[in-house]
Amino acid sequence: NIPFPAYSVNARLGGIILPFDVGLHGSYLKINSLKFEDFTGAITYYSFGGDIRYAVMKGSTLLPKISVGAGYIYTHMALGMTGTSTYNGMVNSVPASVTANTDMNTNFDLHTLFIQAQVSKKFFILTPYAGLRAYVTASKSHYDYAYSSTYESGGTSLAVPDGSGGDAHDYNSNGFAWGKIQPQLYAGLGLNIFFFDCTLGGCWNPRTNLWSANVSA
């Protein structure tokens, strides 16, 4: 597991006159310098989306704020790896210097639709919140790989017998297939001091037991 830095932006506007707000967010990651033994590679990742929330209960000194909302997220990720290795081997029962080359690429696109309900209560500069989200996703993905091997014989580079090949495959290439509705529980704590806001949160998918956490400032 290797952490990678990514750029992200979040913006939210509303709650001025009517009890609703609109949020937009996006994130981006591009790394071209992956290195693992004889392999080099690159990762491209970006995600963007938006949501709208409506306060069904505005809250008061004693009562919490309750809101409902819906949103959409699009995510793309691609990974490519290439490798070249030269070693001493046997070709046709004869010792030879063999050079092996390989190339692999995979990518996926993911659409996510969700609805949610959230409750929060402000205590001076702290605002704890918790909610339930139901989401559904549709995806399509692709992979391909190829390899080849050559060896030196009499100053000539020749192909190794049965030393090359490859494959490629697309999943849902004709369209996106929507999956089952997934539940998600989330909670967090916000700290707000004048124009500074810091939020710590986490969520859990009970069907897959997938946990995640986030912190923003």
C-alpha atoms as a PDB file:
ATOM      1  CA  ASN A   1       0.000   0.000   0.000  1.00  0.00           C
ATOM      2  CA  ILE A   2       1.532   3.286  -1.163  1.00  0.00           C
ATOM      3  CA  PRO A   3      -0.034   6.697  -0.416  1.00  0.00           C
ATOM      4  CA  PHE A   4      -0.057   9.173  -3.299  1.00  0.00           C
ATOM      5  CA  PRO A   5      -0.669  12.928  -3.054  1.00  0.00           C
ATOM      6  CA  ALA A   6      -3.665  14.249  -4.969  1.00  0.00           C
ATOM      7  CA  TYR A   7      -5.136  17.666  -5.614  1.00  0.00           C
ATOM      8  CA  SER A   8      -8.746  18.263  -4.565  1.00  0.00           C
ATOM      9  CA  VAL A   9     -11.176  21.149  -4.344  1.00  0.00           C
ATOM     10  CA  ASN A  10     -14.541  21.429  -2.608  1.00  0.00           C
ATOM     11  CA  ALA A  11     -17.021  24.284  -2.828  1.00  0.00           C
ATOM     12  CA  ARG A  12     -20.492  24.753  -1.368  1.00  0.00           C
ATOM     13  CA  LEU A  13     -22.917  27.625  -1.816  1.00  0.00           C
ATOM     14  CA  GLY A  14     -26.370  28.182  -0.371  1.00  0.00           C
ATOM     15  CA  GLY A  15     -28.333  28.561   2.809  1.00  0.00           C
ATOM     16  CA  ILE A  16     -28.599  32.316   2.284  1.00  0.00           C
ATOM     17  CA  ILE A  17     -32.345  32.700   1.703  1.00  0.00           C
ATOM     18  CA  LEU A  18     -33.775  29.246   1.030  1.00  0.00           C
ATOM     19  CA  PRO A  19     -32.806  26.241   3.203  1.00  0.00           C
ATOM     20  CA  PHE A  20     -30.768  24.400   0.554  1.00  0.00           C
ATOM     21  CA  ASP A  21     -27.232  24.387  -0.762  1.00  0.00           C
ATOM     22  CA  VAL A  22     -25.302  23.028  -3.737  1.00  0.00           C
ATOM     23  CA  GLY A  23     -21.862  21.425  -3.528  1.00  0.00           C
ATOM     24  CA  LEU A  24     -19.206  20.779  -6.172  1.00  0.00           C
ATOM     25  CA  HIS A  25     -16.009  18.811  -5.734  1.00  0.00           C
ATOM     26  CA  GLY A  26     -13.186  17.300  -7.733  1.00  0.00           C
ATOM     27  CA  SER A  27      -9.832  15.589  -7.292  1.00  0.00           C
ATOM     28  CA  TYR A  28      -6.884  14.833  -9.566  1.00  0.00           C
ATOM     29  CA  LEU A  29      -3.786  12.627  -9.444  1.00  0.00           C
ATOM     30  CA  LYS A  30      -1.099  12.138 -12.094  1.00  0.00           C
ATOM     31  CA  ILE A  31       2.117  10.190 -11.485  1.00  0.00           C
ATOM     32  CA  ASN A  32       4.526   9.317 -14.293  1.00  0.00           C
ATOM     33  CA  SER A  33       7.468   8.065 -12.246  1.00  0.00           C
ATOM     34  CA  LEU A  34       6.384   4.768 -10.732  1.00  0.00           C
ATOM     35  CA  LYS A  35       9.337   2.377 -10.448  1.00  0.00           C
ATOM     36  CA  PHE A  36       9.385  -1.231  -9.267  1.00  0.00           C
ATOM     37  CA  GLU A  37      12.409  -3.382 -10.101  1.00  0.00           C
ATOM     38  CA  ASP A  38      12.418  -3.651 -13.928  1.00  0.00           C
ATOM     39  CA  PHE A  39       9.061  -1.927 -14.329  1.00  0.00           C
ATOM     40  CA  THR A  40       8.117   1.699 -14.828  1.00  0.00           C
ATOM     41  CA  GLY A  41       4.589   3.000 -14.876  1.00  0.00           C
ATOM     42  CA  ALA A  42       2.101   5.823 -14.615  1.00  0.00           C
ATOM     43  CA  ILE A  43      -1.193   6.425 -12.808  1.00  0.00           C
ATOM     44  CA  THR A  44      -3.935   8.831 -13.840  1.00  0.00           C
ATOM     45  CA  TYR A  45      -6.911   9.444 -11.582  1.00  0.00           C
ATOM     46  CA  TYR A  46      -9.596  12.085 -11.511  1.00  0.00           C
ATOM     47  CA  SER A  47     -13.033  12.389  -9.982  1.00  0.00           C
ATOM     48  CA  PHE A  48     -15.662  15.114  -9.941  1.00  0.00           C
ATOM     49  CA  GLY A  49     -19.257  15.463  -8.872  1.00  0.00           C
ATOM     50  CA  GLY A  50     -21.918  17.525  -7.216  1.00  0.00           C
ATOM     51  CA  ASP A  51     -24.835  17.317  -4.847  1.00  0.00           C
ATOM     52  CA  ILE A  52     -27.768  19.306  -3.552  1.00  0.00           C
ATOM     53  CA  ARG A  53     -29.080  19.330   0.020  1.00  0.00           C
ATOM     54  CA  TYR A  54     -32.353  20.587   1.460  1.00  0.00           C
ATOM     55  CA  ALA A  55     -32.983  21.233   5.158  1.00  0.00           C
ATOM     56  CA  VAL A  56     -36.275  19.629   6.131  1.00  0.00           C
ATOM     57  CA  MET A  57     -35.633  20.863   9.699  1.00  0.00           C
ATOM     58  CA  LYS A  58     -33.574  24.029  10.103  1.00  0.00           C
ATOM     59  CA  GLY A  59     -32.720  23.299  13.699  1.00  0.00           C
ATOM     60  CA  SER A  60     -32.812  25.506  16.774  1.00  0.00           C
ATOM     61  CA  THR A  61     -31.174  25.877  20.145  1.00  0.00           C
ATOM     62  CA  LEU A  62     -32.525  22.497  21.210  1.00  0.00           C
ATOM     63  CA  LEU A  63     -33.387  20.744  17.949  1.00  0.00           C
ATOM     64  CA  PRO A  64     -30.863  19.424  15.418  1.00  0.00           C
ATOM     65  CA  LYS A  65     -30.750  20.246  11.725  1.00  0.00           C
ATOM     66  CA  ILE A  66     -32.009  17.477   9.422  1.00  0.00           C
ATOM     67  CA  SER A  67     -31.356  17.535   5.690  1.00  0.00           C
ATOM     68  CA  VAL A  68     -31.900  15.294   2.688  1.00  0.00           C
ATOM     69  CA  GLY A  69     -29.918  15.343  -0.522  1.00  0.00           C
ATOM     70  CA  ALA A  70     -28.863  13.672  -3.732  1.00  0.00           C
ATOM     71  CA  GLY A  71     -25.764  13.728  -5.882  1.00  0.00           C
ATOM     72  CA  TYR A  72     -23.630  12.314  -8.679  1.00  0.00           C
ATOM     73  CA  ILE A  73     -19.922  11.366  -8.907  1.00  0.00           C
ATOM     74  CA  TYR A  74     -17.816  10.405 -11.928  1.00  0.00           C
ATOM     75  CA  THR A  75     -14.469   8.642 -11.433  1.00  0.00           C
ATOM     76  CA  HIS A  76     -11.756   7.624 -13.908  1.00  0.00           C
ATOM     77  CA  MET A  77      -8.542   5.741 -13.215  1.00  0.00           C
ATOM     78  CA  ALA A  78      -5.854   4.359 -15.500  1.00  0.00           C
ATOM     79  CA  LEU A  79      -2.674   2.415 -14.774  1.00  0.00           C
ATOM     80  CA  GLY A  80       0.062   1.570 -17.268  1.00  0.00           C
ATOM     81  CA  MET A  81       3.260  -0.442 -16.726  1.00  0.00           C
ATOM     82  CA  THR A  82       6.149  -1.341 -19.023  1.00  0.00           C
ATOM     83  CA  GLY A  83       9.166  -3.498 -18.298  1.00  0.00           C
ATOM     84  CA  THR A  84      12.384  -4.638 -19.953  1.00  0.00           C
ATOM     85  CA  SER A  85      14.778  -7.189 -18.527  1.00  0.00           C
ATOM     86  CA  THR A  86      17.893  -8.843 -19.955  1.00  0.00           C
ATOM     87  CA  TYR A  87      19.165 -12.098 -18.516  1.00  0.00           C
ATOM     88  CA  ASN A  88      21.139 -15.208 -19.409  1.00  0.00           C
ATOM     89  CA  GLY A  89      18.878 -18.094 -20.382  1.00  0.00           C
ATOM     90  CA  MET A  90      18.465 -21.101 -22.635  1.00  0.00           C
ATOM     91  CA  VAL A  91      16.974 -20.948 -26.135  1.00  0.00           C
ATOM     92  CA  ASN A  92      16.695 -24.206 -28.086  1.00  0.00           C
ATOM     93  CA  SER A  93      18.993 -25.814 -25.469  1.00  0.00           C
ATOM     94  CA  VAL A  94      21.666 -23.199 -26.234  1.00  0.00           C
ATOM     95  CA  PRO A  95      22.810 -20.564 -23.698  1.00  0.00           C
ATOM     96  CA  ALA A  96      21.762 -17.098 -24.865  1.00  0.00           C
ATOM     97  CA  SER A  97      21.293 -13.519 -23.715  1.00  0.00           C
ATOM     98  CA  VAL A  98      17.531 -12.992 -23.610  1.00  0.00           C
ATOM     99  CA  THR A  99      15.708  -9.646 -23.516  1.00  0.00           C
ATOM    100  CA  ALA A 100      12.090  -9.732 -22.340  1.00  0.00           C
ATOM    101  CA  ASN A 101       9.647  -6.851 -22.857  1.00  0.00           C
ATOM    102  CA  THR A 102       6.174  -6.435 -21.420  1.00  0.00           C
ATOM    103  CA  ASP A 103       3.460  -3.803 -21.505  1.00  0.00           C
ATOM    104  CA  MET A 104       0.220  -3.666 -19.479  1.00  0.00           C
ATOM    105  CA  ASN A 105      -2.610  -1.122 -19.343  1.00  0.00           C
ATOM    106  CA  THR A 106      -5.868  -1.036 -17.424  1.00  0.00           C
ATOM    107  CA  ASN A 107      -8.503   1.626 -16.866  1.00  0.00           C
ATOM    108  CA  PHE A 108     -12.014   2.010 -15.522  1.00  0.00           C
ATOM    109  CA  ASP A 109     -14.818   4.561 -15.484  1.00  0.00           C
ATOM    110  CA  LEU A 110     -17.369   4.704 -12.695  1.00  0.00           C
ATOM    111  CA  HIS A 111     -20.668   6.571 -12.319  1.00  0.00           C
ATOM    112  CA  THR A 112     -22.219   6.904  -8.866  1.00  0.00           C
ATOM    113  CA  LEU A 113     -25.688   8.182  -7.957  1.00  0.00           C
ATOM    114  CA  PHE A 114     -26.675   8.622  -4.312  1.00  0.00           C
ATOM    115  CA  ILE A 115     -29.345   9.919  -1.965  1.00  0.00           C
ATOM    116  CA  GLN A 116     -28.752  10.672   1.698  1.00  0.00           C
ATOM    117  CA  ALA A 117     -30.241  11.921   4.942  1.00  0.00           C
ATOM    118  CA  GLN A 118     -28.151  13.735   7.545  1.00  0.00           C
ATOM    119  CA  VAL A 119     -28.585  15.088  11.051  1.00  0.00           C
ATOM    120  CA  SER A 120     -26.251  17.660  12.623  1.00  0.00           C
ATOM    121  CA  LYS A 121     -26.170  19.915  15.679  1.00  0.00           C
ATOM    122  CA  LYS A 122     -23.958  22.928  16.229  1.00  0.00           C
ATOM    123  CA  PHE A 123     -22.385  23.456  19.639  1.00  0.00           C
ATOM    124  CA  PHE A 124     -20.569  26.805  19.585  1.00  0.00           C
ATOM    125  CA  ILE A 125     -17.638  26.101  17.194  1.00  0.00           C
ATOM    126  CA  LEU A 126     -18.208  22.318  16.902  1.00  0.00           C
ATOM    127  CA  THR A 127     -20.727  20.590  14.635  1.00  0.00           C
ATOM    128  CA  PRO A 128     -21.043  16.801  14.898  1.00  0.00           C
ATOM    129  CA  TYR A 129     -22.995  15.116  12.107  1.00  0.00           C
ATOM    130  CA  ALA A 130     -24.110  11.648  11.048  1.00  0.00           C
ATOM    131  CA  GLY A 131     -26.073  10.257   8.152  1.00  0.00           C
ATOM    132  CA  LEU A 132     -27.208   7.387   5.983  1.00  0.00           C
ATOM    133  CA  ARG A 133     -26.468   7.204   2.264  1.00  0.00           C
ATOM    134  CA  ALA A 134     -27.781   4.829  -0.393  1.00  0.00           C
ATOM    135  CA  TYR A 135     -25.862   4.713  -3.652  1.00  0.00           C
ATOM    136  CA  VAL A 136     -25.782   2.780  -6.908  1.00  0.00           C
ATOM    137  CA  THR A 137     -22.893   2.510  -9.362  1.00  0.00           C
ATOM    138  CA  ALA A 138     -22.307   1.642 -12.996  1.00  0.00           C
ATOM    139  CA  SER A 139     -18.884   0.941 -14.446  1.00  0.00           C
ATOM    140  CA  LYS A 140     -16.949  -0.168 -17.472  1.00  0.00           C
ATOM    141  CA  SER A 141     -13.304  -1.200 -17.614  1.00  0.00           C
ATOM    142  CA  HIS A 142     -10.584  -2.384 -19.968  1.00  0.00           C
ATOM    143  CA  TYR A 143      -7.279  -4.190 -19.771  1.00  0.00           C
ATOM    144  CA  ASP A 144      -4.637  -5.257 -22.257  1.00  0.00           C
ATOM    145  CA  TYR A 145      -1.175  -6.720 -22.039  1.00  0.00           C
ATOM    146  CA  ALA A 146       1.532  -7.837 -24.456  1.00  0.00           C
ATOM    147  CA  TYR A 147       4.946  -9.437 -24.102  1.00  0.00           C
ATOM    148  CA  SER A 148       7.800 -10.380 -26.385  1.00  0.00           C
ATOM    149  CA  SER A 149      11.260 -11.933 -26.019  1.00  0.00           C
ATOM    150  CA  THR A 150      14.354 -11.814 -28.205  1.00  0.00           C
ATOM    151  CA  TYR A 151      17.836 -13.334 -27.946  1.00  0.00           C
ATOM    152  CA  GLU A 152      21.246 -12.695 -29.452  1.00  0.00           C
ATOM    153  CA  SER A 153      22.744 -15.255 -31.793  1.00  0.00           C
ATOM    154  CA  GLY A 154      25.783 -14.516 -33.931  1.00  0.00           C
ATOM    155  CA  GLY A 155      25.294 -10.801 -33.505  1.00  0.00           C
ATOM    156  CA  THR A 156      21.686 -11.061 -34.706  1.00  0.00           C
ATOM    157  CA  SER A 157      18.574 -10.435 -32.611  1.00  0.00           C
ATOM    158  CA  LEU A 158      16.022 -13.238 -33.042  1.00  0.00           C
ATOM    159  CA  ALA A 159      12.579 -13.866 -31.583  1.00  0.00           C
ATOM    160  CA  VAL A 160      12.344 -16.487 -28.855  1.00  0.00           C
ATOM    161  CA  PRO A 161      10.012 -19.329 -29.966  1.00  0.00           C
ATOM    162  CA  ASP A 162       6.629 -18.977 -28.209  1.00  0.00           C
ATOM    163  CA  GLY A 163       8.070 -15.948 -26.431  1.00  0.00           C
ATOM    164  CA  SER A 164       5.455 -13.390 -27.401  1.00  0.00           C
ATOM    165  CA  GLY A 165       1.730 -12.926 -26.928  1.00  0.00           C
ATOM    166  CA  GLY A 166      -0.944 -10.776 -25.330  1.00  0.00           C
ATOM    167  CA  ASP A 167      -4.609 -10.272 -24.640  1.00  0.00           C
ATOM    168  CA  ALA A 168      -7.197  -7.499 -24.292  1.00  0.00           C
ATOM    169  CA  HIS A 169     -10.683  -7.369 -22.859  1.00  0.00           C
ATOM    170  CA  ASP A 170     -13.463  -4.853 -22.253  1.00  0.00           C
ATOM    171  CA  TYR A 171     -16.094  -5.164 -19.536  1.00  0.00           C
ATOM    172  CA  ASN A 172     -19.466  -3.544 -20.262  1.00  0.00           C
ATOM    173  CA  SER A 173     -17.995  -2.026 -23.421  1.00  0.00           C
ATOM    174  CA  ASN A 174     -21.482  -1.545 -24.917  1.00  0.00           C
ATOM    175  CA  GLY A 175     -22.738   0.533 -22.003  1.00  0.00           C
ATOM    176  CA  PHE A 176     -22.886   0.918 -18.259  1.00  0.00           C
ATOM    177  CA  ALA A 177     -24.694  -1.722 -16.190  1.00  0.00           C
ATOM    178  CA  TRP A 178     -26.069  -0.380 -12.921  1.00  0.00           C
ATOM    179  CA  GLY A 179     -25.470  -2.546  -9.883  1.00  0.00           C
ATOM    180  CA  LYS A 180     -27.367  -3.107  -6.645  1.00  0.00           C
ATOM    181  CA  ILE A 181     -28.188  -0.357  -4.191  1.00  0.00           C
ATOM    182  CA  GLN A 182     -25.498  -0.117  -1.513  1.00  0.00           C
ATOM    183  CA  PRO A 183     -26.014   1.380   1.975  1.00  0.00           C
ATOM    184  CA  GLN A 184     -23.389   3.550   3.649  1.00  0.00           C
ATOM    185  CA  LEU A 185     -23.183   5.039   7.133  1.00  0.00           C
ATOM    186  CA  TYR A 186     -21.104   8.150   7.767  1.00  0.00           C
ATOM    187  CA  ALA A 187     -20.310  10.537  10.608  1.00  0.00           C
ATOM    188  CA  GLY A 188     -17.911  13.317  11.425  1.00  0.00           C
ATOM    189  CA  LEU A 189     -17.086  16.463  13.329  1.00  0.00           C
ATOM    190  CA  GLY A 190     -16.665  19.989  11.982  1.00  0.00           C
ATOM    191  CA  LEU A 191     -14.711  22.815  13.591  1.00  0.00           C
ATOM    192  CA  ASN A 192     -15.539  26.352  12.488  1.00  0.00           C
ATOM    193  CA  ILE A 193     -13.699  29.471  13.712  1.00  0.00           C
ATOM    194  CA  PHE A 194     -14.549  32.590  11.704  1.00  0.00           C
ATOM    195  CA  PHE A 195     -13.349  31.836   8.142  1.00  0.00           C
ATOM    196  CA  PHE A 196     -11.485  28.653   9.081  1.00  0.00           C
ATOM    197  CA  ASP A 197     -13.258  25.317   8.803  1.00  0.00           C
ATOM    198  CA  CYS A 198     -11.837  21.862   9.545  1.00  0.00           C
ATOM    199  CA  THR A 199     -13.780  18.623   9.139  1.00  0.00           C
ATOM    200  CA  LEU A 200     -12.908  15.088  10.183  1.00  0.00           C
ATOM    201  CA  GLY A 201     -15.157  12.315   8.932  1.00  0.00           C
ATOM    202  CA  GLY A 202     -15.478   8.661   8.096  1.00  0.00           C
ATOM    203  CA  CYS A 203     -17.882   6.237   6.446  1.00  0.00           C
ATOM    204  CA  TRP A 204     -18.607   2.508   6.397  1.00  0.00           C
ATOM    205  CA  ASN A 205     -20.232   0.256   3.824  1.00  0.00           C
ATOM    206  CA  PRO A 206     -21.812  -2.614   5.825  1.00  0.00           C
ATOM    207  CA  ARG A 207     -22.192  -4.951   2.815  1.00  0.00           C
ATOM    208  CA  THR A 208     -18.528  -4.884   1.821  1.00  0.00           C
ATOM    209  CA  ASN A 209     -17.118  -3.819   5.225  1.00  0.00           C
ATOM    210  CA  LEU A 210     -15.253  -1.039   3.405  1.00  0.00           C
ATOM    211  CA  TRP A 211     -14.049   1.815   5.641  1.00  0.00           C
ATOM    212  CA  SER A 212     -12.751   5.220   4.638  1.00  0.00           C
ATOM    213  CA  ALA A 213     -11.819   8.441   6.391  1.00  0.00           C
ATOM    214  CA  ASN A 214     -11.128  12.019   5.394  1.00  0.00           C
ATOM    215  CA  VAL A 215      -9.863  15.260   6.859  1.00  0.00           C
ATOM    216  CA  SER A 216     -10.098  18.662   5.219  1.00  0.00           C
ATOM    217  CA  ALA A 217      -9.274  22.250   6.129  1.00  0.00           C
END
